[in-house]
Every structure is written in structure tokens, then in C-alpha cells.
PDB file of all heavy atoms in Angstrom:
ATOM      1  N   LEU A   1      -2.824 115.625 199.476  1.00  0.00           N
ATOM      2  CA  LEU A   1      -1.580 116.317 199.787  1.00  0.00           C
ATOM      3  C   LEU A   1      -0.850 116.833 198.513  1.00  0.00           C
ATOM      4  O   LEU A   1       0.137 117.503 198.643  1.00  0.00           O
ATOM      5  CB  LEU A   1      -0.636 115.416 200.587  1.00  0.00           C
ATOM      6  CG  LEU A   1      -1.078 115.148 202.002  1.00  0.00           C
ATOM      7  CD1 LEU A   1      -0.268 114.017 202.618  1.00  0.00           C
ATOM      8  CD2 LEU A   1      -0.926 116.405 202.888  1.00  0.00           C
ATOM      9  N   GLY A   2      -1.381 116.446 197.377  1.00  0.00           N
ATOM     10  CA  GLY A   2      -0.809 116.987 196.104  1.00  0.00           C
ATOM     11  C   GLY A   2       0.183 116.083 195.397  1.00  0.00           C
ATOM     12  O   GLY A   2       0.863 116.549 194.511  1.00  0.00           O
ATOM     13  N   ALA A   3       0.242 114.819 195.791  1.00  0.00           N
ATOM     14  CA  ALA A   3       1.175 113.911 195.129  1.00  0.00           C
ATOM     15  C   ALA A   3       0.615 113.395 193.827  1.00  0.00           C
ATOM     16  O   ALA A   3      -0.596 113.397 193.604  1.00  0.00           O
ATOM     17  CB  ALA A   3       1.492 112.705 196.076  1.00  0.00           C
ATOM     18  N   ASN A   4       1.472 112.975 192.926  1.00  0.00           N
ATOM     19  CA  ASN A   4       1.098 112.262 191.739  1.00  0.00           C
ATOM     20  C   ASN A   4       0.931 110.787 192.094  1.00  0.00           C
ATOM     21  O   ASN A   4       1.882 110.180 192.586  1.00  0.00           O
ATOM     22  CB  ASN A   4       2.143 112.373 190.622  1.00  0.00           C
ATOM     23  CG  ASN A   4       1.963 113.636 189.803  1.00  0.00           C
ATOM     24  OD1 ASN A   4       0.932 114.305 189.869  1.00  0.00           O
ATOM     25  ND2 ASN A   4       2.968 114.029 189.040  1.00  0.00           N
ATOM     26  N   VAL A   5      -0.237 110.222 191.897  1.00  0.00           N
ATOM     27  CA  VAL A   5      -0.531 108.863 192.351  1.00  0.00           C
ATOM     28  C   VAL A   5      -0.860 107.950 191.160  1.00  0.00           C
ATOM     29  O   VAL A   5      -1.627 108.344 190.293  1.00  0.00           O
ATOM     30  CB  VAL A   5      -1.702 108.848 193.369  1.00  0.00           C
ATOM     31  CG1 VAL A   5      -1.907 107.461 193.938  1.00  0.00           C
ATOM     32  CG2 VAL A   5      -1.448 109.813 194.500  1.00  0.00           C
ATOM     33  N   LYS A   6      -0.244 106.794 191.207  1.00  0.00           N
ATOM     34  CA  LYS A   6      -0.580 105.718 190.210  1.00  0.00           C
ATOM     35  C   LYS A   6      -1.076 104.506 190.995  1.00  0.00           C
ATOM     36  O   LYS A   6      -0.391 104.056 191.923  1.00  0.00           O
ATOM     37  CB  LYS A   6       0.622 105.401 189.388  1.00  0.00           C
ATOM     38  CG  LYS A   6       1.139 106.539 188.518  1.00  0.00           C
ATOM     39  CD  LYS A   6       2.380 106.150 187.736  1.00  0.00           C
ATOM     40  CE  LYS A   6       2.846 107.369 186.862  1.00  0.00           C
ATOM     41  NZ  LYS A   6       4.085 107.056 186.147  1.00  0.00           N
ATOM     42  N   VAL A   7      -2.198 103.988 190.569  1.00  0.00           N
ATOM     43  CA  VAL A   7      -2.808 102.869 191.289  1.00  0.00           C
ATOM     44  C   VAL A   7      -2.870 101.650 190.398  1.00  0.00           C
ATOM     45  O   VAL A   7      -3.278 101.744 189.235  1.00  0.00           O
ATOM     46  CB  VAL A   7      -4.225 103.223 191.792  1.00  0.00           C
ATOM     47  CG1 VAL A   7      -4.793 102.104 192.641  1.00  0.00           C
ATOM     48  CG2 VAL A   7      -4.229 104.514 192.544  1.00  0.00           C
ATOM     49  N   PHE A   8      -2.443 100.514 190.948  1.00  0.00           N
ATOM     50  CA  PHE A   8      -2.437  99.257 190.205  1.00  0.00           C
ATOM     51  C   PHE A   8      -3.334  98.229 190.929  1.00  0.00           C
ATOM     52  O   PHE A   8      -3.273  98.111 192.178  1.00  0.00           O
ATOM     53  CB  PHE A   8      -1.026  98.698 190.076  1.00  0.00           C
ATOM     54  CG  PHE A   8      -0.107  99.465 189.199  1.00  0.00           C
ATOM     55  CD1 PHE A   8       0.508 100.652 189.686  1.00  0.00           C
ATOM     56  CD2 PHE A   8       0.093  99.119 187.881  1.00  0.00           C
ATOM     57  CE1 PHE A   8       1.351 101.386 188.848  1.00  0.00           C
ATOM     58  CE2 PHE A   8       0.942  99.853 187.066  1.00  0.00           C
ATOM     59  CZ  PHE A   8       1.538 100.988 187.555  1.00  0.00           C
ATOM     60  N   ASP A   9      -4.110  97.487 190.204  1.00  0.00           N
ATOM     61  CA  ASP A   9      -4.936  96.416 190.759  1.00  0.00           C
ATOM     62  C   ASP A   9      -5.304  95.439 189.648  1.00  0.00           C
ATOM     63  O   ASP A   9      -5.317  95.839 188.483  1.00  0.00           O
ATOM     64  CB  ASP A   9      -6.170  96.993 191.430  1.00  0.00           C
ATOM     65  CG  ASP A   9      -6.837  95.960 192.370  1.00  0.00           C
ATOM     66  OD1 ASP A   9      -7.597  95.115 191.874  1.00  0.00           O
ATOM     67  OD2 ASP A   9      -6.596  96.026 193.573  1.00  0.00           O
ATOM     68  N   SER A  10      -5.572  94.222 190.028  1.00  0.00           N
ATOM     69  CA  SER A  10      -5.932  93.222 189.018  1.00  0.00           C
ATOM     70  C   SER A  10      -7.380  93.327 188.591  1.00  0.00           C
ATOM     71  O   SER A  10      -7.818  92.682 187.614  1.00  0.00           O
ATOM     72  CB  SER A  10      -5.682  91.811 189.574  1.00  0.00           C
ATOM     73  OG  SER A  10      -6.385  91.605 190.773  1.00  0.00           O
ATOM     74  N   SER A  11      -8.208  94.093 189.330  1.00  0.00           N
ATOM     75  CA  SER A  11      -9.606  94.229 189.062  1.00  0.00           C
ATOM     76  C   SER A  11      -9.994  95.586 188.476  1.00  0.00           C
ATOM     77  O   SER A  11      -9.743  96.659 189.112  1.00  0.00           O
ATOM     78  CB  SER A  11     -10.435  94.022 190.344  1.00  0.00           C
ATOM     79  OG  SER A  11     -11.779  94.362 190.188  1.00  0.00           O
ATOM     80  N   LEU A  12     -10.499  95.611 187.301  1.00  0.00           N
ATOM     81  CA  LEU A  12     -10.948  96.870 186.668  1.00  0.00           C
ATOM     82  C   LEU A  12     -12.122  97.499 187.481  1.00  0.00           C
ATOM     83  O   LEU A  12     -12.228  98.723 187.574  1.00  0.00           O
ATOM     84  CB  LEU A  12     -11.392  96.634 185.231  1.00  0.00           C
ATOM     85  CG  LEU A  12     -10.266  96.504 184.215  1.00  0.00           C
ATOM     86  CD1 LEU A  12     -10.842  96.064 182.843  1.00  0.00           C
ATOM     87  CD2 LEU A  12      -9.548  97.861 184.029  1.00  0.00           C
ATOM     88  N   THR A  13     -12.973  96.661 188.055  1.00  0.00           N
ATOM     89  CA  THR A  13     -14.132  97.150 188.802  1.00  0.00           C
ATOM     90  C   THR A  13     -13.632  97.932 190.025  1.00  0.00           C
ATOM     91  O   THR A  13     -14.122  99.019 190.332  1.00  0.00           O
ATOM     92  CB  THR A  13     -14.984  95.973 189.274  1.00  0.00           C
ATOM     93  OG1 THR A  13     -15.442  95.246 188.115  1.00  0.00           O
ATOM     94  CG2 THR A  13     -16.190  96.450 190.074  1.00  0.00           C
ATOM     95  N   ARG A  14     -12.639  97.389 190.752  1.00  0.00           N
ATOM     96  CA  ARG A  14     -12.096  98.067 191.919  1.00  0.00           C
ATOM     97  C   ARG A  14     -11.389  99.387 191.502  1.00  0.00           C
ATOM     98  O   ARG A  14     -11.515 100.371 192.213  1.00  0.00           O
ATOM     99  CB  ARG A  14     -11.119  97.178 192.693  1.00  0.00           C
ATOM    100  CG  ARG A  14     -11.794  96.124 193.546  1.00  0.00           C
ATOM    101  CD  ARG A  14     -10.832  95.541 194.592  1.00  0.00           C
ATOM    102  NE  ARG A  14      -9.783  94.780 193.983  1.00  0.00           N
ATOM    103  CZ  ARG A  14      -9.821  93.484 193.772  1.00  0.00           C
ATOM    104  NH1 ARG A  14     -10.876  92.808 194.113  1.00  0.00           N
ATOM    105  NH2 ARG A  14      -8.805  92.876 193.224  1.00  0.00           N
ATOM    106  N   LEU A  15     -10.685  99.378 190.405  1.00  0.00           N
ATOM    107  CA  LEU A  15     -10.068 100.597 189.899  1.00  0.00           C
ATOM    108  C   LEU A  15     -11.103 101.666 189.575  1.00  0.00           C
ATOM    109  O   LEU A  15     -10.908 102.839 189.861  1.00  0.00           O
ATOM    110  CB  LEU A  15      -9.199 100.283 188.702  1.00  0.00           C
ATOM    111  CG  LEU A  15      -7.907  99.472 188.944  1.00  0.00           C
ATOM    112  CD1 LEU A  15      -7.264  99.047 187.677  1.00  0.00           C
ATOM    113  CD2 LEU A  15      -6.895 100.232 189.824  1.00  0.00           C
ATOM    114  N   ARG A  16     -12.194 101.217 188.930  1.00  0.00           N
ATOM    115  CA  ARG A  16     -13.280 102.159 188.557  1.00  0.00           C
ATOM    116  C   ARG A  16     -13.927 102.745 189.811  1.00  0.00           C
ATOM    117  O   ARG A  16     -14.172 103.919 189.881  1.00  0.00           O
ATOM    118  CB  ARG A  16     -14.280 101.414 187.671  1.00  0.00           C
ATOM    119  CG  ARG A  16     -15.283 102.319 186.993  1.00  0.00           C
ATOM    120  CD  ARG A  16     -16.225 101.518 186.089  1.00  0.00           C
ATOM    121  NE  ARG A  16     -15.509 100.914 184.960  1.00  0.00           N
ATOM    122  CZ  ARG A  16     -15.348  99.598 184.760  1.00  0.00           C
ATOM    123  NH1 ARG A  16     -15.879  98.781 185.621  1.00  0.00           N
ATOM    124  NH2 ARG A  16     -14.687  99.138 183.717  1.00  0.00           N
ATOM    125  N   ASP A  17     -14.168 101.852 190.800  1.00  0.00           N
ATOM    126  CA  ASP A  17     -14.778 102.308 192.055  1.00  0.00           C
ATOM    127  C   ASP A  17     -13.871 103.312 192.778  1.00  0.00           C
ATOM    128  O   ASP A  17     -14.316 104.268 193.384  1.00  0.00           O
ATOM    129  CB  ASP A  17     -15.064 101.115 192.948  1.00  0.00           C
ATOM    130  CG  ASP A  17     -16.237 100.250 192.426  1.00  0.00           C
ATOM    131  OD1 ASP A  17     -16.928 100.721 191.549  1.00  0.00           O
ATOM    132  OD2 ASP A  17     -16.329  99.095 192.914  1.00  0.00           O
ATOM    133  N   LEU A  18     -12.556 103.038 192.742  1.00  0.00           N
ATOM    134  CA  LEU A  18     -11.601 103.909 193.426  1.00  0.00           C
ATOM    135  C   LEU A  18     -11.571 105.307 192.780  1.00  0.00           C
ATOM    136  O   LEU A  18     -11.568 106.311 193.504  1.00  0.00           O
ATOM    137  CB  LEU A  18     -10.178 103.302 193.352  1.00  0.00           C
ATOM    138  CG  LEU A  18      -9.074 104.045 194.097  1.00  0.00           C
ATOM    139  CD1 LEU A  18      -8.131 103.110 194.778  1.00  0.00           C
ATOM    140  CD2 LEU A  18      -8.264 104.951 193.158  1.00  0.00           C
ATOM    141  N   LYS A  19     -11.637 105.361 191.457  1.00  0.00           N
ATOM    142  CA  LYS A  19     -11.667 106.674 190.792  1.00  0.00           C
ATOM    143  C   LYS A  19     -12.904 107.427 191.179  1.00  0.00           C
ATOM    144  O   LYS A  19     -12.869 108.652 191.395  1.00  0.00           O
ATOM    145  CB  LYS A  19     -11.621 106.454 189.292  1.00  0.00           C
ATOM    146  CG  LYS A  19     -10.268 106.033 188.745  1.00  0.00           C
ATOM    147  CD  LYS A  19     -10.252 105.842 187.241  1.00  0.00           C
ATOM    148  CE  LYS A  19     -10.189 107.219 186.556  1.00  0.00           C
ATOM    149  NZ  LYS A  19      -9.949 107.051 185.122  1.00  0.00           N
ATOM    150  N   SER A  20     -14.009 106.728 191.308  1.00  0.00           N
ATOM    151  CA  SER A  20     -15.264 107.327 191.705  1.00  0.00           C
ATOM    152  C   SER A  20     -15.199 107.814 193.156  1.00  0.00           C
ATOM    153  O   SER A  20     -15.632 108.906 193.473  1.00  0.00           O
ATOM    154  CB  SER A  20     -16.430 106.383 191.557  1.00  0.00           C
ATOM    155  OG  SER A  20     -17.616 106.896 192.024  1.00  0.00           O
ATOM    156  N   PHE A  21     -14.545 107.031 194.046  1.00  0.00           N
ATOM    157  CA  PHE A  21     -14.411 107.350 195.435  1.00  0.00           C
ATOM    158  C   PHE A  21     -13.510 108.572 195.652  1.00  0.00           C
ATOM    159  O   PHE A  21     -13.853 109.453 196.436  1.00  0.00           O
ATOM    160  CB  PHE A  21     -13.864 106.125 196.199  1.00  0.00           C
ATOM    161  CG  PHE A  21     -13.487 106.422 197.625  1.00  0.00           C
ATOM    162  CD1 PHE A  21     -14.439 106.413 198.598  1.00  0.00           C
ATOM    163  CD2 PHE A  21     -12.147 106.597 198.001  1.00  0.00           C
ATOM    164  CE1 PHE A  21     -14.089 106.655 199.909  1.00  0.00           C
ATOM    165  CE2 PHE A  21     -11.797 106.840 199.290  1.00  0.00           C
ATOM    166  CZ  PHE A  21     -12.782 106.857 200.280  1.00  0.00           C
ATOM    167  N   VAL A  22     -12.429 108.634 194.936  1.00  0.00           N
ATOM    168  CA  VAL A  22     -11.451 109.734 195.126  1.00  0.00           C
ATOM    169  C   VAL A  22     -11.984 110.980 194.432  1.00  0.00           C
ATOM    170  O   VAL A  22     -11.698 112.098 194.858  1.00  0.00           O
ATOM    171  CB  VAL A  22     -10.071 109.311 194.605  1.00  0.00           C
ATOM    172  CG1 VAL A  22      -9.116 110.467 194.627  1.00  0.00           C
ATOM    173  CG2 VAL A  22      -9.521 108.162 195.408  1.00  0.00           C
ATOM    174  N   GLY A  23     -12.756 110.788 193.353  1.00  0.00           N
ATOM    175  CA  GLY A  23     -13.269 111.962 192.645  1.00  0.00           C
ATOM    176  C   GLY A  23     -12.179 112.724 191.927  1.00  0.00           C
ATOM    177  O   GLY A  23     -12.196 113.987 191.868  1.00  0.00           O
ATOM    178  N   HIS A  24     -11.231 112.028 191.370  1.00  0.00           N
ATOM    179  CA  HIS A  24     -10.072 112.643 190.724  1.00  0.00           C
ATOM    180  C   HIS A  24      -9.662 111.764 189.544  1.00  0.00           C
ATOM    181  O   HIS A  24      -9.796 110.545 189.548  1.00  0.00           O
ATOM    182  CB  HIS A  24      -8.913 112.746 191.736  1.00  0.00           C
ATOM    183  CG  HIS A  24      -7.815 113.680 191.349  1.00  0.00           C
ATOM    184  ND1 HIS A  24      -6.765 113.254 190.531  1.00  0.00           N
ATOM    185  CD2 HIS A  24      -7.593 114.950 191.594  1.00  0.00           C
ATOM    186  CE1 HIS A  24      -5.959 114.280 190.323  1.00  0.00           C
ATOM    187  NE2 HIS A  24      -6.435 115.326 190.988  1.00  0.00           N
ATOM    188  N   ASN A  25      -9.204 112.421 188.480  1.00  0.00           N
ATOM    189  CA  ASN A  25      -8.793 111.700 187.312  1.00  0.00           C
ATOM    190  C   ASN A  25      -7.415 111.093 187.507  1.00  0.00           C
ATOM    191  O   ASN A  25      -6.422 111.621 187.151  1.00  0.00           O
ATOM    192  CB  ASN A  25      -8.792 112.621 186.072  1.00  0.00           C
ATOM    193  CG  ASN A  25      -8.659 111.864 184.758  1.00  0.00           C
ATOM    194  OD1 ASN A  25      -8.942 110.713 184.700  1.00  0.00           O
ATOM    195  ND2 ASN A  25      -8.168 112.556 183.727  1.00  0.00           N
ATOM    196  N   LEU A  26      -7.415 109.862 188.040  1.00  0.00           N
ATOM    197  CA  LEU A  26      -6.203 109.171 188.431  1.00  0.00           C
ATOM    198  C   LEU A  26      -5.624 108.350 187.291  1.00  0.00           C
ATOM    199  O   LEU A  26      -6.325 107.961 186.393  1.00  0.00           O
ATOM    200  CB  LEU A  26      -6.488 108.235 189.628  1.00  0.00           C
ATOM    201  CG  LEU A  26      -6.803 108.824 190.938  1.00  0.00           C
ATOM    202  CD1 LEU A  26      -7.320 107.697 191.869  1.00  0.00           C
ATOM    203  CD2 LEU A  26      -5.581 109.475 191.562  1.00  0.00           C
ATOM    204  N   TYR A  27      -4.324 108.103 187.437  1.00  0.00           N
ATOM    205  CA  TYR A  27      -3.657 107.106 186.612  1.00  0.00           C
ATOM    206  C   TYR A  27      -3.936 105.749 187.248  1.00  0.00           C
ATOM    207  O   TYR A  27      -3.540 105.475 188.361  1.00  0.00           O
ATOM    208  CB  TYR A  27      -2.164 107.352 186.548  1.00  0.00           C
ATOM    209  CG  TYR A  27      -1.346 106.337 185.787  1.00  0.00           C
ATOM    210  CD1 TYR A  27      -0.845 106.592 184.525  1.00  0.00           C
ATOM    211  CD2 TYR A  27      -1.080 105.069 186.350  1.00  0.00           C
ATOM    212  CE1 TYR A  27      -0.101 105.619 183.838  1.00  0.00           C
ATOM    213  CE2 TYR A  27      -0.322 104.126 185.658  1.00  0.00           C
ATOM    214  CZ  TYR A  27       0.138 104.407 184.403  1.00  0.00           C
ATOM    215  OH  TYR A  27       0.861 103.439 183.725  1.00  0.00           O
ATOM    216  N   THR A  28      -4.614 104.883 186.499  1.00  0.00           N
ATOM    217  CA  THR A  28      -4.916 103.528 187.045  1.00  0.00           C
ATOM    218  C   THR A  28      -4.502 102.517 185.976  1.00  0.00           C
ATOM    219  O   THR A  28      -4.557 102.817 184.779  1.00  0.00           O
ATOM    220  CB  THR A  28      -6.403 103.332 187.401  1.00  0.00           C
ATOM    221  OG1 THR A  28      -7.178 103.617 186.200  1.00  0.00           O
ATOM    222  CG2 THR A  28      -6.834 104.201 188.522  1.00  0.00           C
ATOM    223  N   SER A  29      -4.118 101.330 186.464  1.00  0.00           N
ATOM    224  CA  SER A  29      -3.681 100.288 185.513  1.00  0.00           C
ATOM    225  C   SER A  29      -3.877  98.912 186.146  1.00  0.00           C
ATOM    226  O   SER A  29      -3.769  98.797 187.349  1.00  0.00           O
ATOM    227  CB  SER A  29      -2.183 100.492 185.155  1.00  0.00           C
ATOM    228  OG  SER A  29      -1.731  99.398 184.374  1.00  0.00           O
ATOM    229  N   THR A  30      -4.121  97.934 185.304  1.00  0.00           N
ATOM    230  CA  THR A  30      -4.081  96.560 185.757  1.00  0.00           C
ATOM    231  C   THR A  30      -2.619  96.213 185.977  1.00  0.00           C
ATOM    232  O   THR A  30      -1.741  96.908 185.515  1.00  0.00           O
ATOM    233  CB  THR A  30      -4.729  95.585 184.743  1.00  0.00           C
ATOM    234  OG1 THR A  30      -4.107  95.834 183.490  1.00  0.00           O
ATOM    235  CG2 THR A  30      -6.209  95.815 184.666  1.00  0.00           C
ATOM    236  N   ILE A  31      -2.369  95.135 186.724  1.00  0.00           N
ATOM    237  CA  ILE A  31      -1.027  94.793 187.095  1.00  0.00           C
ATOM    238  C   ILE A  31      -0.325  94.070 185.934  1.00  0.00           C
ATOM    239  O   ILE A  31      -0.588  92.894 185.724  1.00  0.00           O
ATOM    240  CB  ILE A  31      -0.984  93.951 188.396  1.00  0.00           C
ATOM    241  CG1 ILE A  31      -1.624  94.758 189.528  1.00  0.00           C
ATOM    242  CG2 ILE A  31       0.407  93.512 188.737  1.00  0.00           C
ATOM    243  CD1 ILE A  31      -1.797  93.976 190.811  1.00  0.00           C
ATOM    244  N   GLN A  32       0.486  94.836 185.197  1.00  0.00           N
ATOM    245  CA  GLN A  32       1.286  94.295 184.137  1.00  0.00           C
ATOM    246  C   GLN A  32       2.752  94.563 184.479  1.00  0.00           C
ATOM    247  O   GLN A  32       3.127  95.690 184.706  1.00  0.00           O
ATOM    248  CB  GLN A  32       0.903  94.913 182.801  1.00  0.00           C
ATOM    249  CG  GLN A  32      -0.569  94.731 182.450  1.00  0.00           C
ATOM    250  CD  GLN A  32      -1.001  95.560 181.233  1.00  0.00           C
ATOM    251  OE1 GLN A  32      -0.164  95.932 180.438  1.00  0.00           O
ATOM    252  NE2 GLN A  32      -2.260  95.870 181.171  1.00  0.00           N
ATOM    253  N   PRO A  33       3.608  93.545 184.481  1.00  0.00           N
ATOM    254  CA  PRO A  33       5.010  93.702 184.924  1.00  0.00           C
ATOM    255  C   PRO A  33       5.746  94.896 184.282  1.00  0.00           C
ATOM    256  O   PRO A  33       6.404  95.674 184.994  1.00  0.00           O
ATOM    257  CB  PRO A  33       5.628  92.398 184.579  1.00  0.00           C
ATOM    258  CG  PRO A  33       4.523  91.392 184.644  1.00  0.00           C
ATOM    259  CD  PRO A  33       3.295  92.162 184.170  1.00  0.00           C
ATOM    260  N   LYS A  34       5.664  95.077 182.973  1.00  0.00           N
ATOM    261  CA  LYS A  34       6.415  96.146 182.326  1.00  0.00           C
ATOM    262  C   LYS A  34       5.913  97.523 182.764  1.00  0.00           C
ATOM    263  O   LYS A  34       6.732  98.415 183.054  1.00  0.00           O
ATOM    264  CB  LYS A  34       6.258  96.027 180.804  1.00  0.00           C
ATOM    265  CG  LYS A  34       7.110  94.882 180.189  1.00  0.00           C
ATOM    266  CD  LYS A  34       7.021  94.900 178.685  1.00  0.00           C
ATOM    267  CE  LYS A  34       7.921  93.807 178.073  1.00  0.00           C
ATOM    268  NZ  LYS A  34       7.818  93.826 176.606  1.00  0.00           N
ATOM    269  N   THR A  35       4.584  97.670 182.839  1.00  0.00           N
ATOM    270  CA  THR A  35       4.021  98.936 183.262  1.00  0.00           C
ATOM    271  C   THR A  35       4.333  99.244 184.755  1.00  0.00           C
ATOM    272  O   THR A  35       4.668 100.379 185.118  1.00  0.00           O
ATOM    273  CB  THR A  35       2.483  98.942 183.101  1.00  0.00           C
ATOM    274  OG1 THR A  35       2.174  98.448 181.803  1.00  0.00           O
ATOM    275  CG2 THR A  35       1.881 100.316 183.284  1.00  0.00           C
ATOM    276  N   LEU A  36       4.278  98.184 185.575  1.00  0.00           N
ATOM    277  CA  LEU A  36       4.581  98.353 187.005  1.00  0.00           C
ATOM    278  C   LEU A  36       6.094  98.708 187.219  1.00  0.00           C
ATOM    279  O   LEU A  36       6.365  99.614 188.041  1.00  0.00           O
ATOM    280  CB  LEU A  36       4.246  97.060 187.788  1.00  0.00           C
ATOM    281  CG  LEU A  36       4.397  97.054 189.271  1.00  0.00           C
ATOM    282  CD1 LEU A  36       3.618  98.209 189.937  1.00  0.00           C
ATOM    283  CD2 LEU A  36       4.039  95.728 189.871  1.00  0.00           C
ATOM    284  N   VAL A  37       6.946  98.060 186.514  1.00  0.00           N
ATOM    285  CA  VAL A  37       8.417  98.344 186.618  1.00  0.00           C
ATOM    286  C   VAL A  37       8.686  99.806 186.219  1.00  0.00           C
ATOM    287  O   VAL A  37       9.429 100.499 186.905  1.00  0.00           O
ATOM    288  CB  VAL A  37       9.223  97.379 185.726  1.00  0.00           C
ATOM    289  CG1 VAL A  37      10.668  97.903 185.592  1.00  0.00           C
ATOM    290  CG2 VAL A  37       9.207  95.999 186.291  1.00  0.00           C
TER     291      VAL A  37
END
């Protein structure tokens, strides 16, 4: 739909798989309080 999406997860493997699934250069990050806030 054209939104800017940021994805957070504790697993790098899941984040890597998600980027491959979506086929888009997403902003992904592990769950770190400062970054999440």
C-alpha cells in the first residue's frame, strides 16, 4: 500500500527471511529499547 515499514524482532534469521519474503529493502532491527522508542 506504500507505507514506510520498520520491522523489529529478536531473531536475525526471521528478519532475514522476512526481507526475502517481502522482496523489498526494508528497515529491520533487533529489539533494542532505544531504537524501538
